[in-house]
Structure formats: C-alpha cells, structure tokens
Amino acid sequence: MAHEPFGCGFRSTPNAGKGETGPPLRLARDDIEAGAFEHAEALLMELAEAGGPTEAGARAASVELARLCASAREHQRLARRLDASADRHRDAEERLRCEMVTLFDRRIAPATPVSPSPHIDTADVDVDVRVLGPLEVAVHGHRITRWASLKARAVFQYLVIHADRPVRRETLMETFWPRNTRNSSRNNLNVALCSLRHTLQNRRPRTCVLFTEGCYQLNPGLVWQVDQTAFLVDIAAARASEAAGCTDKAIKAYGRAGRLYRGPLFEDDTTSEWYLPSRRHLEELYLQGLDSLAELYLSVGDPAAAEDEARRALAADPCRESSHRLLMRCFASRHQHHLVSRQLQICAGALKRELGISPAPETLEVCEALTTRVLPSLIAGNGTLSA
C-alpha cells in the first residue's frame, strides 16, 4: 500500500490560540514560534506516528522536535512559577524595607511631625520641590543637579503631582511603559525606583518614597514644600479675599501666586505627556490671576502696576484678548488713546498670526469706546464693557 508524502494528507489542526488551519508541519512551526509548545508537541507526535516507512528520517526529526518541545514546555512552566515567586519576593522586600524605615524613624531617629504648609520656613523643609518651570529638587538643603535616570525623574514627578493620594503600582506601569509586558513594566519600574531612591539619598537619609499595599507615595513623615501646592492655596485665598472685598489681601495673594509661577509645569521635560492637562489648568489659573490682579490695580488707581501684570500675561499668551483689553484700559486711564488703537492692532496681528482669526466683538467694542469717549467706569472695570 502506497504511503502519502510525509506531512500531507493529514487533517488540518487549529493553531493554538489563533483559530487558523493549515498543514500540520506549518502549524507545528508556528506554535513553536508562538511558544505554544504543548500543542506543537502533540502535532509532531501525530506526524511521527502517521508517517510511512520511507519517512524514517522525518519521523525521527519529529520525535526529536517533540522531545525538545516537552523540554521547552517544562522550562516555560518553571519560568512562570519563578516569575510569580519573584513578584512575591519583591513585594515582601518592599514591605520589609518600609517596615524597617518606619521602625528606624520611630525608634532610632524620630522626627517631629510637622503639618505641611504652603509657606514653610526653609529650615524646617525636608524636601523642597519646584515644578512650576524647570524641575528643581532639594533634599535637606542639598540640591539635586543630576538625575541618573529620566524614568526615575518622571516617576518622581508623577508622585509629586499626585501627592494627595497613594499611586498604585499598576498605574505607574501603564503610564510609563504602556507597550511592555507586565513583567517587563514591573522590572522597569523597580529599576526606576531604585535609581530614584539613590538620587534622593543624602547625608541624613530618610526614604522619600514609600511602598504600602501595592501603592507608592511620598513619605508623609517628611516636610514637603511644593510650589504648585502653595500656588493653588494663594490663588484660592486671593479669590476669597477679592469676593469679600478685601482688595489689599487679594493683591498680596495674587502677587505671591504670580511669583511662584516660574513657567509651565515641568517646563524642561519633553519626554512625557501625562501632565499636559495639569499644565494647561495651572497656566490658565496663572493668567486669570494676572488679569484679576491687573483689574484690582486699576480699581485702586495704579494703572502702571496693572500694565505690568497685563504684559506678563501677554508674554505667556500673546493671543489673550482679555489682557489686551486690560492694556487698552491702562492706556486710556493715562489719556494715551493712540496706544489704545495700537494695542488693538497688536492684538489683531497676534490672533491672525497664531490662530488665523480676528479679535472678538467685545475687544473691538472696548477699543472703540475708549478711543471715542473715555468713560471712567469703563476704565475702572465697572462698566458693561470690562476686560
């Protein structure tokens, strides 16, 4: 009885996990490439048993390949078990490290608890972090001048922005290594945190980053001063004072907030995007604060100070029409009507160049009102055509 050629005439078997069919040899090869060793071994043994006497060499090769598949499958099983064991040991190491640090801080070098404050005496600060503008970090007065790992810096930045709550390990993995496997992401995170802890270490080491129940967070036992926190507190205080009619307090609070804002959030970081919504929000708060401060200065009869704040806003956003309108009112208050018209031209040019649009009707109306009839209520911001 004639035998069919080896590898032909067999029923096609679905490839493991793919739902595909094809010649058994091809399926076995695909399974090996995909790491589906158990399925590949079964296919190869089926081929070896079905081959005729003229295919003895091919049968022997199939048996050898099946044996190798069985060995690879065992190594795969052991590797997975070791990965799971390694994860458990990493978790245990993190827990023990945190317990030791806590025990050290409580029994050997206890720290006096200090409640975080938006404005703290520099001598009391353990970690000073400035995120508005280029990142600046100082630990116990020692400024960090070099980051050994950009990922370590990125993880630190994320923890600082989310300092109000613990951050799950999986969140960090998905944020910074979204395309990696879970094990790869976890290893990368461990490496980044190791580098981060090394970077933050100094002569009086206390762990800045803690790990508890699968989450990372900044050590609440340290006194942190973060400019973003102080900035938000000052903006809120200024608005509350302004609403209460306390002009002097509002001016001081807006002024503090403006001085804290050195530039956009993480201005020198070009590697991440997760913070961009926060950056836009903080920048808008800053610009709104400058506009409000300029309004307050106009209301107390200080157009020069109001002009300074409006120009600061336009330096950050040349297309901000509310700030252009404020400048127009500053000029009108000093009877510089030619500068009012010129400011409208500057505004129109910026909008055309950057956005391809024309000034809003409100801006045109303010300019016309200020150049044709100077209304004190309009200049002071009490009229219907305010900035």
Protein backbone atom coordinates (compact mmCIF):
# COMPACT_ATOMS: atom_id res chain seq x y z
CA MET A 1 0.00 0.00 0.00
CA ALA A 2 1.44 3.32 -1.09
CA HIS A 3 2.01 5.95 1.56
CA GLU A 4 1.23 9.61 1.14
CA PRO A 5 4.18 12.00 1.26
CA PHE A 6 5.20 12.93 4.82
CA GLY A 7 3.32 15.99 6.10
CA CYS A 8 0.47 15.66 3.55
CA GLY A 9 -2.93 14.05 3.77
CA PHE A 10 -3.45 14.75 7.48
CA ARG A 11 -6.42 16.55 8.87
CA SER A 12 -5.59 20.24 9.48
CA THR A 13 -5.50 21.17 13.16
CA PRO A 14 -6.24 24.65 14.55
CA ASN A 15 -3.15 26.59 15.58
CA ALA A 16 -3.09 27.17 19.33
CA GLY A 17 -4.75 30.41 20.25
CA LYS A 18 -5.19 31.53 16.61
CA GLY A 19 -8.10 29.54 15.26
CA GLU A 20 -6.24 29.00 11.98
CA THR A 21 -5.82 25.79 9.96
CA GLY A 22 -3.07 24.57 7.66
CA PRO A 23 -0.57 21.73 7.05
CA PRO A 24 0.47 20.15 10.36
CA LEU A 25 4.16 20.95 9.78
CA ARG A 26 3.44 24.62 9.29
CA LEU A 27 1.12 24.68 12.31
CA ALA A 28 3.74 22.99 14.46
CA ARG A 29 6.37 25.53 13.39
CA ASP A 30 4.00 28.44 14.08
CA ASP A 31 3.19 27.00 17.50
CA ILE A 32 6.89 26.74 18.35
CA GLU A 33 7.44 30.38 17.35
CA ALA A 34 4.44 31.41 19.46
CA GLY A 35 5.66 29.43 22.48
CA ALA A 36 2.70 27.01 22.33
CA PHE A 37 4.99 24.05 22.98
CA GLU A 38 2.34 21.63 24.26
CA HIS A 39 0.25 21.95 21.11
CA ALA A 40 3.35 21.75 18.88
CA GLU A 41 4.49 18.59 20.69
CA ALA A 42 1.13 16.91 20.08
CA LEU A 43 1.22 17.77 16.37
CA LEU A 44 4.77 16.50 15.95
CA MET A 45 3.98 13.19 17.68
CA GLU A 46 0.91 12.81 15.45
CA LEU A 47 3.12 13.33 12.38
CA ALA A 48 5.74 10.87 13.65
CA GLU A 49 3.15 8.14 14.27
CA ALA A 50 1.39 8.68 10.93
CA GLY A 51 4.49 8.70 8.68
CA GLY A 52 5.26 5.70 6.44
CA PRO A 53 8.47 3.60 6.39
CA THR A 54 10.06 5.80 3.68
CA GLU A 55 9.94 8.78 6.00
CA ALA A 56 12.00 7.30 8.85
CA GLY A 57 14.36 10.32 8.92
CA ALA A 58 11.48 12.74 9.06
CA ARG A 59 9.81 10.69 11.79
CA ALA A 60 13.00 10.75 13.83
CA ALA A 61 13.24 14.52 13.41
CA SER A 62 9.62 14.90 14.53
CA VAL A 63 10.25 12.79 17.62
CA GLU A 64 13.36 14.85 18.46
CA LEU A 65 11.44 18.10 17.97
CA ALA A 66 8.62 16.79 20.14
CA ARG A 67 11.16 15.95 22.85
CA LEU A 68 12.60 19.47 22.63
CA CYS A 69 9.09 20.91 22.83
CA ALA A 70 8.48 18.94 26.02
CA SER A 71 11.73 20.30 27.48
CA ALA A 72 10.87 23.88 26.43
CA ARG A 73 7.40 23.48 27.92
CA GLU A 74 8.90 22.46 31.26
CA HIS A 75 11.28 25.42 31.24
CA GLN A 76 8.35 27.66 30.40
CA ARG A 77 6.37 26.28 33.33
CA LEU A 78 9.29 26.77 35.69
CA ALA A 79 9.92 30.31 34.41
CA ARG A 80 6.33 31.28 35.05
CA ARG A 81 6.47 29.82 38.53
CA LEU A 82 9.73 31.66 39.22
CA ASP A 83 8.23 34.92 37.91
CA ALA A 84 5.34 34.55 40.32
CA SER A 85 7.75 33.74 43.13
CA ALA A 86 9.95 36.71 42.21
CA ASP A 87 6.91 39.00 42.34
CA ARG A 88 6.10 37.74 45.81
CA HIS A 89 9.68 38.27 46.95
CA ARG A 90 9.71 41.80 45.50
CA ASP A 91 6.52 42.61 47.38
CA ALA A 92 7.98 41.15 50.56
CA GLU A 93 11.19 43.15 50.08
CA GLU A 94 9.20 46.37 49.64
CA ARG A 95 7.11 45.68 52.74
CA LEU A 96 10.14 44.83 54.87
CA ARG A 97 12.05 47.89 53.66
CA CYS A 98 9.13 50.16 54.53
CA GLU A 99 8.73 48.48 57.95
CA MET A 100 12.45 48.96 58.66
CA VAL A 101 12.37 52.62 57.62
CA THR A 102 9.30 53.22 59.79
CA LEU A 103 10.94 51.44 62.75
CA PHE A 104 14.15 53.44 62.24
CA ASP A 105 12.29 56.74 62.11
CA ARG A 106 10.15 55.94 65.16
CA ARG A 107 12.71 54.26 67.44
CA ILE A 108 16.17 55.46 66.40
CA ALA A 109 15.78 58.87 64.76
CA PRO A 110 12.22 60.01 65.46
CA ALA A 111 11.11 63.05 63.51
CA THR A 112 8.94 65.79 64.94
CA PRO A 113 5.70 65.76 62.94
CA VAL A 114 5.18 69.00 61.08
CA SER A 115 1.94 69.67 59.23
CA PRO A 116 2.52 70.62 55.58
CA SER A 117 2.05 74.31 54.92
CA PRO A 118 2.01 76.29 51.69
CA HIS A 119 4.69 78.61 53.11
CA ILE A 120 7.21 76.94 55.43
CA ASP A 121 10.41 78.24 56.92
CA THR A 122 13.22 76.88 54.75
CA ALA A 123 14.98 75.49 57.81
CA ASP A 124 12.01 73.18 58.52
CA VAL A 125 11.74 71.76 54.99
CA ASP A 126 12.98 68.23 54.30
CA VAL A 127 12.26 68.23 50.57
CA ASP A 128 11.74 71.38 48.52
CA VAL A 129 10.22 70.73 45.09
CA ARG A 130 9.60 73.30 42.38
CA VAL A 131 7.54 72.05 39.46
CA LEU A 132 6.31 75.35 38.00
CA GLY A 133 9.00 75.92 35.42
CA PRO A 134 12.05 73.64 35.21
CA LEU A 135 12.05 70.91 37.88
CA GLU A 136 14.16 71.80 40.93
CA VAL A 137 14.53 69.49 43.93
CA ALA A 138 16.49 69.98 47.14
CA VAL A 139 16.66 67.33 49.88
CA HIS A 140 17.68 68.74 53.29
CA GLY A 141 19.13 71.74 51.51
CA HIS A 142 21.16 69.68 49.03
CA ARG A 143 20.04 70.47 45.51
CA ILE A 144 19.81 67.63 43.02
CA THR A 145 21.82 68.65 39.98
CA ARG A 146 21.70 65.41 38.00
CA TRP A 147 19.16 62.63 37.51
CA ALA A 148 20.75 59.27 36.73
CA SER A 149 17.53 58.11 35.03
CA LEU A 150 14.91 60.13 33.17
CA LYS A 151 12.32 57.49 34.07
CA ALA A 152 13.21 57.88 37.74
CA ARG A 153 12.64 61.61 37.41
CA ALA A 154 9.34 61.00 35.56
CA VAL A 155 8.07 58.67 38.29
CA PHE A 156 9.03 61.24 40.94
CA GLN A 157 7.17 63.97 39.05
CA TYR A 158 4.06 61.79 38.88
CA LEU A 159 4.17 61.09 42.62
CA VAL A 160 4.62 64.81 43.38
CA ILE A 161 1.60 65.83 41.30
CA HIS A 162 -0.48 63.06 42.91
CA ALA A 163 0.91 63.59 46.40
CA ASP A 164 -2.59 63.79 47.86
CA ARG A 165 -3.12 60.06 47.46
CA PRO A 166 -1.16 56.79 47.06
CA VAL A 167 -0.50 55.73 43.47
CA ARG A 168 -1.00 52.12 42.51
CA ARG A 169 1.98 50.30 41.05
CA GLU A 170 -0.08 49.28 38.01
CA THR A 171 -0.90 52.94 37.30
CA LEU A 172 2.79 53.80 37.09
CA MET A 173 3.46 50.79 34.89
CA GLU A 174 0.66 51.68 32.47
CA THR A 175 1.65 55.36 32.40
CA PHE A 176 5.35 54.95 31.64
CA TRP A 177 5.60 51.50 29.98
CA PRO A 178 2.22 51.00 28.27
CA ARG A 179 3.53 48.76 25.49
CA ASN A 180 5.63 46.45 27.66
CA THR A 181 4.60 43.15 29.16
CA ARG A 182 3.58 43.20 32.80
CA ASN A 183 6.84 41.62 33.96
CA SER A 184 8.91 43.98 31.83
CA SER A 185 6.98 47.03 33.08
CA ARG A 186 7.38 45.90 36.66
CA ASN A 187 11.12 45.35 36.29
CA ASN A 188 11.49 48.77 34.65
CA LEU A 189 9.55 50.38 37.49
CA ASN A 190 11.73 48.66 40.10
CA VAL A 191 14.86 49.89 38.33
CA ALA A 192 13.48 53.44 38.11
CA LEU A 193 12.54 53.47 41.82
CA CYS A 194 15.95 52.12 42.80
CA SER A 195 17.58 54.94 40.81
CA LEU A 196 15.15 57.47 42.31
CA ARG A 197 15.92 56.45 45.88
CA HIS A 198 19.63 56.63 45.15
CA THR A 199 19.24 60.12 43.66
CA LEU A 200 17.25 61.41 46.66
CA GLN A 201 19.66 59.98 49.22
CA ASN A 202 21.81 62.39 51.21
CA ARG A 203 23.76 62.60 54.46
CA ARG A 204 20.60 62.36 56.56
CA PRO A 205 18.82 59.61 54.62
CA ARG A 206 15.13 59.06 55.18
CA THR A 207 13.21 57.31 52.45
CA CYS A 208 11.32 59.86 50.36
CA VAL A 209 9.16 57.29 48.56
CA LEU A 210 7.22 54.62 50.43
CA PHE A 211 5.54 51.42 49.22
CA THR A 212 2.44 50.22 51.06
CA GLU A 213 -0.16 47.66 49.98
CA GLY A 214 0.75 47.83 46.30
CA CYS A 215 0.92 51.65 46.21
CA TYR A 216 3.70 54.23 46.14
CA GLN A 217 3.54 57.63 47.77
CA LEU A 218 5.77 60.43 49.02
CA ASN A 219 6.76 59.88 52.63
CA PRO A 220 4.22 61.84 54.72
CA GLY A 221 6.65 61.78 57.64
CA LEU A 222 8.83 64.31 55.81
CA VAL A 223 8.10 68.01 55.45
CA TRP A 224 7.48 68.68 51.77
CA GLN A 225 7.29 72.11 50.19
CA VAL A 226 5.89 72.06 46.66
CA ASP A 227 5.43 75.31 44.79
CA GLN A 228 2.32 74.05 42.99
CA THR A 229 0.58 73.49 46.33
CA ALA A 230 1.45 76.97 47.55
CA PHE A 231 0.39 78.44 44.20
CA LEU A 232 -3.07 76.85 44.40
CA VAL A 233 -3.50 77.94 48.02
CA ASP A 234 -2.60 81.54 47.13
CA ILE A 235 -4.96 81.62 44.15
CA ALA A 236 -7.82 80.33 46.32
CA ALA A 237 -7.01 82.84 49.07
CA ALA A 238 -6.85 85.71 46.57
CA ARG A 239 -10.22 84.84 45.09
CA ALA A 240 -11.80 84.55 48.52
CA SER A 241 -10.37 87.92 49.56
CA GLU A 242 -11.49 89.53 46.31
CA ALA A 243 -15.02 88.20 46.75
CA ALA A 244 -15.06 89.53 50.30
CA GLY A 245 -13.97 92.97 49.15
CA CYS A 246 -10.54 92.74 50.83
CA THR A 247 -8.60 94.30 47.97
CA ASP A 248 -5.23 94.61 49.73
CA LYS A 249 -5.24 90.95 50.82
CA ALA A 250 -6.29 89.84 47.34
CA ILE A 251 -3.48 91.86 45.71
CA LYS A 252 -0.90 90.32 48.05
CA ALA A 253 -2.15 86.77 47.49
CA TYR A 254 -2.28 87.15 43.70
CA GLY A 255 1.22 88.62 43.84
CA ARG A 256 2.56 85.63 45.78
CA ALA A 257 0.98 83.23 43.32
CA GLY A 258 2.46 85.11 40.37
CA ARG A 259 5.96 84.98 41.87
CA LEU A 260 5.68 81.23 42.43
CA TYR A 261 4.82 80.61 38.78
CA ARG A 262 8.26 80.48 37.12
CA GLY A 263 6.89 78.84 33.96
CA PRO A 264 4.74 75.95 32.66
CA LEU A 265 4.54 72.76 34.71
CA PHE A 266 7.73 70.68 34.16
CA GLU A 267 8.89 73.15 31.54
CA ASP A 268 12.16 71.27 30.88
CA ASP A 269 10.52 67.84 30.44
CA THR A 270 9.90 66.91 26.80
CA THR A 271 9.58 63.13 27.30
CA SER A 272 6.08 62.81 28.80
CA GLU A 273 2.55 63.93 28.09
CA TRP A 274 0.56 62.71 31.10
CA TYR A 275 0.90 66.08 32.85
CA LEU A 276 -0.27 68.26 29.94
CA PRO A 277 -3.88 68.69 31.22
CA SER A 278 -2.48 69.82 34.59
CA ARG A 279 -0.06 72.15 32.82
CA ARG A 280 -2.87 73.82 30.87
CA HIS A 281 -5.01 74.15 34.00
CA LEU A 282 -2.23 75.74 36.04
CA GLU A 283 -1.29 78.10 33.21
CA GLU A 284 -4.90 79.25 32.91
CA LEU A 285 -5.07 79.85 36.67
CA TYR A 286 -1.87 81.89 36.41
CA LEU A 287 -3.23 84.01 33.55
CA GLN A 288 -6.56 84.50 35.27
CA GLY A 289 -4.68 85.59 38.37
CA LEU A 290 -2.69 88.16 36.41
CA ASP A 291 -5.88 89.53 34.83
CA SER A 292 -7.55 89.75 38.24
CA LEU A 293 -4.51 91.43 39.75
CA ALA A 294 -4.45 93.98 36.93
CA GLU A 295 -8.16 94.64 37.49
CA LEU A 296 -7.51 95.23 41.18
CA TYR A 297 -4.65 97.61 40.48
CA LEU A 298 -6.88 99.57 38.10
CA SER A 299 -9.60 99.71 40.74
CA VAL A 300 -7.20 101.32 43.25
CA GLY A 301 -5.84 103.79 40.70
CA ASP A 302 -2.49 102.16 39.88
CA PRO A 303 -2.51 101.75 36.07
CA ALA A 304 1.27 101.31 35.89
CA ALA A 305 1.12 98.20 38.09
CA ALA A 306 -1.92 96.98 36.15
CA GLU A 307 0.01 97.40 32.89
CA ASP A 308 2.89 95.31 34.27
CA GLU A 309 0.56 92.41 35.12
CA ALA A 310 -1.22 92.56 31.75
CA ARG A 311 2.12 92.50 29.93
CA ARG A 312 3.20 89.47 31.96
CA ALA A 313 0.03 87.69 30.85
CA LEU A 314 0.64 88.57 27.21
CA ALA A 315 4.25 87.37 27.46
CA ALA A 316 2.84 83.95 28.36
CA ASP A 317 -0.06 84.08 25.87
CA PRO A 318 0.13 86.79 23.15
CA CYS A 319 -3.38 85.89 21.99
CA ARG A 320 -5.12 86.50 25.32
CA GLU A 321 -7.70 89.13 24.40
CA SER A 322 -8.72 89.90 28.00
CA SER A 323 -5.15 91.03 28.69
CA HIS A 324 -5.09 93.14 25.53
CA ARG A 325 -8.29 94.81 26.70
CA LEU A 326 -6.74 95.47 30.10
CA LEU A 327 -3.78 97.17 28.45
CA MET A 328 -6.15 99.35 26.43
CA ARG A 329 -7.85 100.48 29.63
CA CYS A 330 -4.48 101.19 31.25
CA PHE A 331 -3.53 103.44 28.33
CA ALA A 332 -6.92 105.16 28.34
CA SER A 333 -6.62 105.90 32.05
CA ARG A 334 -3.49 107.90 31.21
CA HIS A 335 -5.15 109.52 28.16
CA GLN A 336 -2.85 107.64 25.76
CA HIS A 337 -5.57 106.99 23.19
CA HIS A 338 -3.12 106.39 20.35
CA LEU A 339 -1.71 103.45 22.35
CA VAL A 340 -5.23 102.04 22.74
CA SER A 341 -5.60 101.81 18.95
CA ARG A 342 -2.08 100.46 18.61
CA GLN A 343 -2.82 97.71 21.15
CA LEU A 344 -5.81 96.62 19.09
CA GLN A 345 -3.52 96.30 16.08
CA ILE A 346 -1.04 94.24 18.12
CA CYS A 347 -3.89 92.02 19.31
CA ALA A 348 -5.26 91.55 15.78
CA GLY A 349 -1.79 90.72 14.45
CA ALA A 350 -1.16 88.08 17.14
CA LEU A 351 -4.54 86.44 16.60
CA LYS A 352 -4.09 86.40 12.83
CA ARG A 353 -0.57 85.04 13.04
CA GLU A 354 -1.12 82.39 15.69
CA LEU A 355 -4.76 81.35 15.23
CA GLY A 356 -5.89 82.78 11.89
CA ILE A 357 -8.81 84.65 13.49
CA SER A 358 -9.87 88.24 14.14
CA PRO A 359 -10.45 89.96 17.52
CA ALA A 360 -13.71 89.24 19.28
CA PRO A 361 -16.52 91.82 19.03
CA GLU A 362 -16.03 92.63 22.73
CA THR A 363 -12.41 93.67 22.09
CA LEU A 364 -13.44 95.89 19.17
CA GLU A 365 -16.20 97.48 21.27
CA VAL A 366 -13.83 98.21 24.16
CA CYS A 367 -11.32 99.83 21.81
CA GLU A 368 -13.99 101.95 20.12
CA ALA A 369 -15.49 103.07 23.43
CA LEU A 370 -12.08 104.02 24.83
CA THR A 371 -10.97 105.96 21.76
CA THR A 372 -14.21 107.82 21.10
CA ARG A 373 -15.35 108.63 24.64
CA VAL A 374 -13.35 107.92 27.75
CA LEU A 375 -15.74 106.52 30.35
CA PRO A 376 -14.29 106.38 33.90
CA SER A 377 -16.49 103.42 34.79
CA LEU A 378 -15.22 101.50 31.77
CA ILE A 379 -11.57 102.18 32.56
CA ALA A 380 -12.04 101.15 36.19
CA GLY A 381 -13.78 97.96 35.16
CA ASN A 382 -17.21 98.91 36.48
CA GLY A 383 -18.88 99.44 33.10
CA THR A 384 -20.56 96.95 30.84
CA LEU A 385 -17.52 96.62 28.59
CA SER A 386 -14.91 95.32 31.02
CA ALA A 387 -11.93 93.16 30.15
